[in-house]
Amino acid sequence: MNIPDAVIAAVLAYLLGSIPSAVWIGKRFHNIDVREHGSGNAGTTNTIRVLGWTTGIPVLLIDIAKGWLASMLPVFFHLAVRGSALMTNLQLIAGIIAIIGHIFPVFAGFRGGKGVATVFGVFLALQPLLTICVMGVFLTVLFITGIVSVSSMSAGVSFPVLLFVFFDTPSVLFKIFAIIVGAALLVTHRENIRRIWRGEEKKILKFGKKNKEPEIQ
């Protein structure tokens, strides 16, 4: 492995992760910093709540692309044999660095999002078929509940379960990381869990009758 190339890949991974798509797009097209509204999170869900789907979808796609590109940097730099445990580990490390960049972005005062979309991009680079299955879980739960946080947590938990039951990887580190991500999503969404318990979590999708009732302040 070429150490200088590995260092460059690591730096690029962090810079990619640090691209604050929600902040930049919100300020550029709406003159709004999404971190000052809603949940205060610079992520897709809060962007949709504050600025709508037309702004939230580009944010989602950019954040996914960040994770995917960062995880592919070791492949682009030919740091190891593709498909090997070493390459998988290097891709995972690059992806983790990008996730850290998303959560603590140097381009946005180190105030970022939770990293769910970026994690999805990392998994898409490492386990595309498994990730598509997890996406199916996310969309199914979203259609049923209309709540993104519930969908994100369900998808996060399903990833290690599906990995161990139906898929495999040469990397023990990846298996450990899958478990950590599933647990971490529950921890980072603890405020959402409290709001869900109190019946206060807002729905992104709403089906059925559109009866508007006054909100209790």
C-alpha atoms as a PDB file:
ATOM      1  CA  MET A   1       0.000   0.000   0.000  1.00  0.00           C
ATOM      2  CA  ASN A   2       1.267   3.448  -0.954  1.00  0.00           C
ATOM      3  CA  ILE A   3       1.217   5.480   2.295  1.00  0.00           C
ATOM      4  CA  PRO A   4       1.277   8.959   0.650  1.00  0.00           C
ATOM      5  CA  ASP A   5      -1.681   7.976  -1.547  1.00  0.00           C
ATOM      6  CA  ALA A   6      -3.492   6.628   1.507  1.00  0.00           C
ATOM      7  CA  VAL A   7      -2.989   9.931   3.337  1.00  0.00           C
ATOM      8  CA  ILE A   8      -4.257  11.882   0.320  1.00  0.00           C
ATOM      9  CA  ALA A   9      -7.288   9.595   0.102  1.00  0.00           C
ATOM     10  CA  ALA A  10      -8.016  10.155   3.799  1.00  0.00           C
ATOM     11  CA  VAL A  11      -7.829  13.950   3.455  1.00  0.00           C
ATOM     12  CA  LEU A  12     -10.035  13.902   0.366  1.00  0.00           C
ATOM     13  CA  ALA A  13     -12.537  11.657   2.151  1.00  0.00           C
ATOM     14  CA  TYR A  14     -12.849  14.148   4.997  1.00  0.00           C
ATOM     15  CA  LEU A  15     -13.196  17.097   2.621  1.00  0.00           C
ATOM     16  CA  LEU A  16     -15.866  15.251   0.638  1.00  0.00           C
ATOM     17  CA  GLY A  17     -17.773  14.477   3.822  1.00  0.00           C
ATOM     18  CA  SER A  18     -17.446  18.099   4.925  1.00  0.00           C
ATOM     19  CA  ILE A  19     -19.430  19.421   1.959  1.00  0.00           C
ATOM     20  CA  PRO A  20     -22.471  20.841   3.818  1.00  0.00           C
ATOM     21  CA  SER A  21     -25.051  20.358   1.094  1.00  0.00           C
ATOM     22  CA  ALA A  22     -28.036  21.257   3.296  1.00  0.00           C
ATOM     23  CA  VAL A  23     -26.378  24.448   4.529  1.00  0.00           C
ATOM     24  CA  TRP A  24     -25.044  25.618   1.185  1.00  0.00           C
ATOM     25  CA  ILE A  25     -28.180  24.837  -0.824  1.00  0.00           C
ATOM     26  CA  GLY A  26     -30.433  26.341   1.847  1.00  0.00           C
ATOM     27  CA  LYS A  27     -28.433  29.564   1.947  1.00  0.00           C
ATOM     28  CA  ARG A  28     -27.926  29.805  -1.809  1.00  0.00           C
ATOM     29  CA  PHE A  29     -31.526  29.256  -2.912  1.00  0.00           C
ATOM     30  CA  HIS A  30     -33.551  30.244   0.163  1.00  0.00           C
ATOM     31  CA  ASN A  31     -31.232  32.452   2.199  1.00  0.00           C
ATOM     32  CA  ILE A  32     -31.901  30.096   5.121  1.00  0.00           C
ATOM     33  CA  ASP A  33     -29.528  28.111   7.324  1.00  0.00           C
ATOM     34  CA  VAL A  34     -31.500  24.944   8.063  1.00  0.00           C
ATOM     35  CA  ARG A  35     -29.525  24.523  11.289  1.00  0.00           C
ATOM     36  CA  GLU A  36     -31.386  27.518  12.688  1.00  0.00           C
ATOM     37  CA  HIS A  37     -34.805  25.984  12.033  1.00  0.00           C
ATOM     38  CA  GLY A  38     -36.710  22.790  12.751  1.00  0.00           C
ATOM     39  CA  SER A  39     -34.587  20.196  14.527  1.00  0.00           C
ATOM     40  CA  GLY A  40     -31.401  22.188  13.904  1.00  0.00           C
ATOM     41  CA  ASN A  41     -29.971  19.285  11.927  1.00  0.00           C
ATOM     42  CA  ALA A  42     -28.124  19.890   8.648  1.00  0.00           C
ATOM     43  CA  GLY A  43     -29.556  16.784   7.033  1.00  0.00           C
ATOM     44  CA  THR A  44     -32.169  15.645   4.553  1.00  0.00           C
ATOM     45  CA  THR A  45     -35.092  15.264   6.953  1.00  0.00           C
ATOM     46  CA  ASN A  46     -34.786  18.724   8.439  1.00  0.00           C
ATOM     47  CA  THR A  47     -34.192  20.221   4.998  1.00  0.00           C
ATOM     48  CA  ILE A  48     -37.447  18.685   3.757  1.00  0.00           C
ATOM     49  CA  ARG A  49     -39.308  19.951   6.823  1.00  0.00           C
ATOM     50  CA  VAL A  50     -37.939  23.479   6.496  1.00  0.00           C
ATOM     51  CA  LEU A  51     -37.483  23.938   2.737  1.00  0.00           C
ATOM     52  CA  GLY A  52     -39.517  21.177   1.090  1.00  0.00           C
ATOM     53  CA  TRP A  53     -38.884  18.148  -1.078  1.00  0.00           C
ATOM     54  CA  THR A  54     -37.447  20.042  -4.051  1.00  0.00           C
ATOM     55  CA  THR A  55     -34.571  21.161  -1.844  1.00  0.00           C
ATOM     56  CA  GLY A  56     -34.354  18.038   0.290  1.00  0.00           C
ATOM     57  CA  ILE A  57     -33.912  15.561  -2.571  1.00  0.00           C
ATOM     58  CA  PRO A  58     -30.752  17.233  -3.981  1.00  0.00           C
ATOM     59  CA  VAL A  59     -29.354  17.349  -0.435  1.00  0.00           C
ATOM     60  CA  LEU A  60     -30.068  13.639  -0.042  1.00  0.00           C
ATOM     61  CA  LEU A  61     -28.411  12.714  -3.339  1.00  0.00           C
ATOM     62  CA  ILE A  62     -25.323  14.823  -2.644  1.00  0.00           C
ATOM     63  CA  ASP A  63     -24.893  13.358   0.838  1.00  0.00           C
ATOM     64  CA  ILE A  64     -25.207   9.813  -0.523  1.00  0.00           C
ATOM     65  CA  ALA A  65     -22.700  10.634  -3.274  1.00  0.00           C
ATOM     66  CA  LYS A  66     -20.235  11.950  -0.672  1.00  0.00           C
ATOM     67  CA  GLY A  67     -20.191   8.613   1.139  1.00  0.00           C
ATOM     68  CA  TRP A  68     -19.971   6.605  -2.061  1.00  0.00           C
ATOM     69  CA  LEU A  69     -17.128   8.647  -3.563  1.00  0.00           C
ATOM     70  CA  ALA A  70     -15.157   8.673  -0.311  1.00  0.00           C
ATOM     71  CA  SER A  71     -15.423   4.893  -0.007  1.00  0.00           C
ATOM     72  CA  MET A  72     -14.308   4.452  -3.600  1.00  0.00           C
ATOM     73  CA  LEU A  73     -11.140   6.537  -3.147  1.00  0.00           C
ATOM     74  CA  PRO A  74      -9.011   3.524  -2.060  1.00  0.00           C
ATOM     75  CA  VAL A  75     -10.145   1.789  -5.255  1.00  0.00           C
ATOM     76  CA  PHE A  76      -9.327   4.817  -7.402  1.00  0.00           C
ATOM     77  CA  PHE A  77      -5.879   5.056  -5.769  1.00  0.00           C
ATOM     78  CA  HIS A  78      -5.303   1.276  -6.138  1.00  0.00           C
ATOM     79  CA  LEU A  79      -4.357   0.949  -2.468  1.00  0.00           C
ATOM     80  CA  ALA A  80      -5.086  -2.801  -2.386  1.00  0.00           C
ATOM     81  CA  VAL A  81      -6.560  -5.656  -4.386  1.00  0.00           C
ATOM     82  CA  ARG A  82     -10.234  -4.977  -5.031  1.00  0.00           C
ATOM     83  CA  GLY A  83     -12.504  -7.384  -3.193  1.00  0.00           C
ATOM     84  CA  SER A  84      -9.889  -8.260  -0.595  1.00  0.00           C
ATOM     85  CA  ALA A  85     -10.388  -7.810   3.140  1.00  0.00           C
ATOM     86  CA  LEU A  86      -7.717  -5.094   3.110  1.00  0.00           C
ATOM     87  CA  MET A  87      -9.465  -3.132   0.368  1.00  0.00           C
ATOM     88  CA  THR A  88     -12.808  -3.452   2.145  1.00  0.00           C
ATOM     89  CA  ASN A  89     -11.215  -2.202   5.361  1.00  0.00           C
ATOM     90  CA  LEU A  90      -9.590   0.740   3.576  1.00  0.00           C
ATOM     91  CA  GLN A  91     -12.860   1.639   1.867  1.00  0.00           C
ATOM     92  CA  LEU A  92     -14.667   1.437   5.187  1.00  0.00           C
ATOM     93  CA  ILE A  93     -12.082   3.648   6.901  1.00  0.00           C
ATOM     94  CA  ALA A  94     -12.369   6.213   4.107  1.00  0.00           C
ATOM     95  CA  GLY A  95     -16.142   6.096   4.470  1.00  0.00           C
ATOM     96  CA  ILE A  96     -15.942   6.586   8.236  1.00  0.00           C
ATOM     97  CA  ILE A  97     -13.709   9.614   7.698  1.00  0.00           C
ATOM     98  CA  ALA A  98     -16.327  11.048   5.317  1.00  0.00           C
ATOM     99  CA  ILE A  99     -19.063  10.428   7.892  1.00  0.00           C
ATOM    100  CA  ILE A 100     -16.991  12.280  10.493  1.00  0.00           C
ATOM    101  CA  GLY A 101     -16.620  15.091   7.956  1.00  0.00           C
ATOM    102  CA  HIS A 102     -20.388  15.197   7.493  1.00  0.00           C
ATOM    103  CA  ILE A 103     -21.030  15.376  11.236  1.00  0.00           C
ATOM    104  CA  PHE A 104     -18.175  17.836  11.862  1.00  0.00           C
ATOM    105  CA  PRO A 105     -17.769  19.696   8.541  1.00  0.00           C
ATOM    106  CA  VAL A 106     -14.796  22.036   8.298  1.00  0.00           C
ATOM    107  CA  PHE A 107     -16.727  24.107   5.734  1.00  0.00           C
ATOM    108  CA  ALA A 108     -19.669  24.776   8.082  1.00  0.00           C
ATOM    109  CA  GLY A 109     -18.218  25.500  11.503  1.00  0.00           C
ATOM    110  CA  PHE A 110     -18.100  21.786  12.430  1.00  0.00           C
ATOM    111  CA  ARG A 111     -21.906  21.730  12.786  1.00  0.00           C
ATOM    112  CA  GLY A 112     -23.295  19.111  10.426  1.00  0.00           C
ATOM    113  CA  GLY A 113     -25.928  16.400  10.286  1.00  0.00           C
ATOM    114  CA  LYS A 114     -26.355  12.910  11.667  1.00  0.00           C
ATOM    115  CA  GLY A 115     -24.751  11.240   8.649  1.00  0.00           C
ATOM    116  CA  VAL A 116     -27.505   8.770   7.740  1.00  0.00           C
ATOM    117  CA  ALA A 117     -27.413   9.527   4.000  1.00  0.00           C
ATOM    118  CA  THR A 118     -23.597   9.500   3.978  1.00  0.00           C
ATOM    119  CA  VAL A 119     -23.577   6.132   5.758  1.00  0.00           C
ATOM    120  CA  PHE A 120     -25.979   4.899   3.085  1.00  0.00           C
ATOM    121  CA  GLY A 121     -23.489   6.008   0.409  1.00  0.00           C
ATOM    122  CA  VAL A 122     -20.662   4.160   2.151  1.00  0.00           C
ATOM    123  CA  PHE A 123     -22.709   0.978   2.360  1.00  0.00           C
ATOM    124  CA  LEU A 124     -23.748   1.385  -1.277  1.00  0.00           C
ATOM    125  CA  ALA A 125     -20.083   1.353  -2.302  1.00  0.00           C
ATOM    126  CA  LEU A 126     -19.239  -1.678  -0.155  1.00  0.00           C
ATOM    127  CA  GLN A 127     -22.408  -3.789  -0.322  1.00  0.00           C
ATOM    128  CA  PRO A 128     -24.652  -2.492  -3.129  1.00  0.00           C
ATOM    129  CA  LEU A 129     -27.185  -5.350  -3.184  1.00  0.00           C
ATOM    130  CA  LEU A 130     -27.522  -5.436   0.590  1.00  0.00           C
ATOM    131  CA  THR A 131     -27.888  -1.660   0.650  1.00  0.00           C
ATOM    132  CA  ILE A 132     -30.694  -1.809  -1.911  1.00  0.00           C
ATOM    133  CA  CYS A 133     -32.488  -4.306   0.345  1.00  0.00           C
ATOM    134  CA  VAL A 134     -32.036  -1.956   3.307  1.00  0.00           C
ATOM    135  CA  MET A 135     -33.378   0.874   1.174  1.00  0.00           C
ATOM    136  CA  GLY A 136     -36.429  -1.298   0.586  1.00  0.00           C
ATOM    137  CA  VAL A 137     -36.873  -1.569   4.352  1.00  0.00           C
ATOM    138  CA  PHE A 138     -36.546   2.221   4.672  1.00  0.00           C
ATOM    139  CA  LEU A 139     -39.137   2.945   1.972  1.00  0.00           C
ATOM    140  CA  THR A 140     -41.560   0.324   3.274  1.00  0.00           C
ATOM    141  CA  VAL A 141     -41.457   1.701   6.816  1.00  0.00           C
ATOM    142  CA  LEU A 142     -41.696   5.259   5.491  1.00  0.00           C
ATOM    143  CA  PHE A 143     -44.778   4.361   3.452  1.00  0.00           C
ATOM    144  CA  ILE A 144     -46.398   2.744   6.489  1.00  0.00           C
ATOM    145  CA  THR A 145     -45.486   5.337   9.132  1.00  0.00           C
ATOM    146  CA  GLY A 146     -44.679   8.476   7.144  1.00  0.00           C
ATOM    147  CA  ILE A 147     -41.898   9.182   9.667  1.00  0.00           C
ATOM    148  CA  VAL A 148     -38.316   9.433   8.395  1.00  0.00           C
ATOM    149  CA  SER A 149     -36.691   8.875  11.789  1.00  0.00           C
ATOM    150  CA  VAL A 150     -38.547   5.573  12.268  1.00  0.00           C
ATOM    151  CA  SER A 151     -37.585   4.545   8.740  1.00  0.00           C
ATOM    152  CA  SER A 152     -33.921   5.439   9.312  1.00  0.00           C
ATOM    153  CA  MET A 153     -33.734   3.485  12.560  1.00  0.00           C
ATOM    154  CA  SER A 154     -35.477   0.478  11.009  1.00  0.00           C
ATOM    155  CA  ALA A 155     -33.084   0.505   8.058  1.00  0.00           C
ATOM    156  CA  GLY A 156     -30.066   0.879  10.344  1.00  0.00           C
ATOM    157  CA  VAL A 157     -31.072  -2.083  12.485  1.00  0.00           C
ATOM    158  CA  SER A 158     -31.939  -4.220   9.458  1.00  0.00           C
ATOM    159  CA  PHE A 159     -28.480  -3.762   7.911  1.00  0.00           C
ATOM    160  CA  PRO A 160     -26.460  -5.944  10.320  1.00  0.00           C
ATOM    161  CA  VAL A 161     -29.324  -8.436  10.541  1.00  0.00           C
ATOM    162  CA  LEU A 162     -29.463  -8.898   6.763  1.00  0.00           C
ATOM    163  CA  LEU A 163     -25.660  -8.895   6.530  1.00  0.00           C
ATOM    164  CA  PHE A 164     -25.268 -11.794   8.957  1.00  0.00           C
ATOM    165  CA  VAL A 165     -28.278 -13.794   7.759  1.00  0.00           C
ATOM    166  CA  PHE A 166     -28.194 -13.418   3.966  1.00  0.00           C
ATOM    167  CA  PHE A 167     -24.899 -11.771   2.974  1.00  0.00           C
ATOM    168  CA  ASP A 168     -21.226 -11.929   3.872  1.00  0.00           C
ATOM    169  CA  THR A 169     -18.026  -9.906   3.754  1.00  0.00           C
ATOM    170  CA  PRO A 170     -14.323 -10.780   4.068  1.00  0.00           C
ATOM    171  CA  SER A 171     -13.912  -7.919   6.538  1.00  0.00           C
ATOM    172  CA  VAL A 172     -14.528  -8.484  10.237  1.00  0.00           C
ATOM    173  CA  LEU A 173     -14.212  -4.711  10.663  1.00  0.00           C
ATOM    174  CA  PHE A 174     -17.156  -4.200   8.329  1.00  0.00           C
ATOM    175  CA  LYS A 175     -19.296  -6.599  10.352  1.00  0.00           C
ATOM    176  CA  ILE A 176     -18.436  -4.752  13.551  1.00  0.00           C
ATOM    177  CA  PHE A 177     -19.140  -1.415  11.898  1.00  0.00           C
ATOM    178  CA  ALA A 178     -22.546  -2.608  10.674  1.00  0.00           C
ATOM    179  CA  ILE A 179     -23.514  -3.445  14.257  1.00  0.00           C
ATOM    180  CA  ILE A 180     -22.169  -0.121  15.546  1.00  0.00           C
ATOM    181  CA  VAL A 181     -24.111   1.838  12.909  1.00  0.00           C
ATOM    182  CA  GLY A 182     -27.352   0.066  13.801  1.00  0.00           C
ATOM    183  CA  ALA A 183     -26.830   0.886  17.486  1.00  0.00           C
ATOM    184  CA  ALA A 184     -25.576   4.421  16.794  1.00  0.00           C
ATOM    185  CA  LEU A 185     -28.670   5.308  14.767  1.00  0.00           C
ATOM    186  CA  LEU A 186     -30.802   4.462  17.779  1.00  0.00           C
ATOM    187  CA  VAL A 187     -28.604   6.610  20.017  1.00  0.00           C
ATOM    188  CA  THR A 188     -28.460   9.600  17.659  1.00  0.00           C
ATOM    189  CA  HIS A 189     -32.226   9.446  17.214  1.00  0.00           C
ATOM    190  CA  ARG A 190     -32.983   9.369  20.942  1.00  0.00           C
ATOM    191  CA  GLU A 191     -34.723  12.759  20.776  1.00  0.00           C
ATOM    192  CA  ASN A 192     -36.815  11.464  17.890  1.00  0.00           C
ATOM    193  CA  ILE A 193     -37.677   8.390  19.954  1.00  0.00           C
ATOM    194  CA  ARG A 194     -38.864  10.650  22.786  1.00  0.00           C
ATOM    195  CA  ARG A 195     -40.995  12.670  20.371  1.00  0.00           C
ATOM    196  CA  ILE A 196     -42.422   9.458  18.882  1.00  0.00           C
ATOM    197  CA  TRP A 197     -43.294   8.250  22.376  1.00  0.00           C
ATOM    198  CA  ARG A 198     -45.061  11.545  23.085  1.00  0.00           C
ATOM    199  CA  GLY A 199     -46.755  11.480  19.686  1.00  0.00           C
ATOM    200  CA  GLU A 200     -44.997  14.676  18.617  1.00  0.00           C
ATOM    201  CA  GLU A 201     -42.799  13.404  15.791  1.00  0.00           C
ATOM    202  CA  LYS A 202     -43.869  15.021  12.526  1.00  0.00           C
ATOM    203  CA  LYS A 203     -44.671  12.967   9.457  1.00  0.00           C
ATOM    204  CA  ILE A 204     -43.068  13.650   6.092  1.00  0.00           C
ATOM    205  CA  LEU A 205     -45.736  11.601   4.300  1.00  0.00           C
ATOM    206  CA  LYS A 206     -49.390  11.750   5.254  1.00  0.00           C
ATOM    207  CA  PHE A 207     -52.092   9.469   3.933  1.00  0.00           C
ATOM    208  CA  GLY A 208     -55.798   9.330   4.432  1.00  0.00           C
ATOM    209  CA  LYS A 209     -58.054  12.210   5.324  1.00  0.00           C
ATOM    210  CA  LYS A 210     -56.479  15.606   5.485  1.00  0.00           C
ATOM    211  CA  ASN A 211     -58.278  16.886   8.516  1.00  0.00           C
ATOM    212  CA  LYS A 212     -56.383  19.786   9.951  1.00  0.00           C
ATOM    213  CA  GLU A 213     -56.437  20.009  13.709  1.00  0.00           C
ATOM    214  CA  PRO A 214     -54.924  22.802  15.765  1.00  0.00           C
ATOM    215  CA  GLU A 215     -51.529  21.921  17.136  1.00  0.00           C
ATOM    216  CA  ILE A 216     -51.083  21.985  20.888  1.00  0.00           C
ATOM    217  CA  GLN A 217     -48.303  24.430  21.694  1.00  0.00           C
END
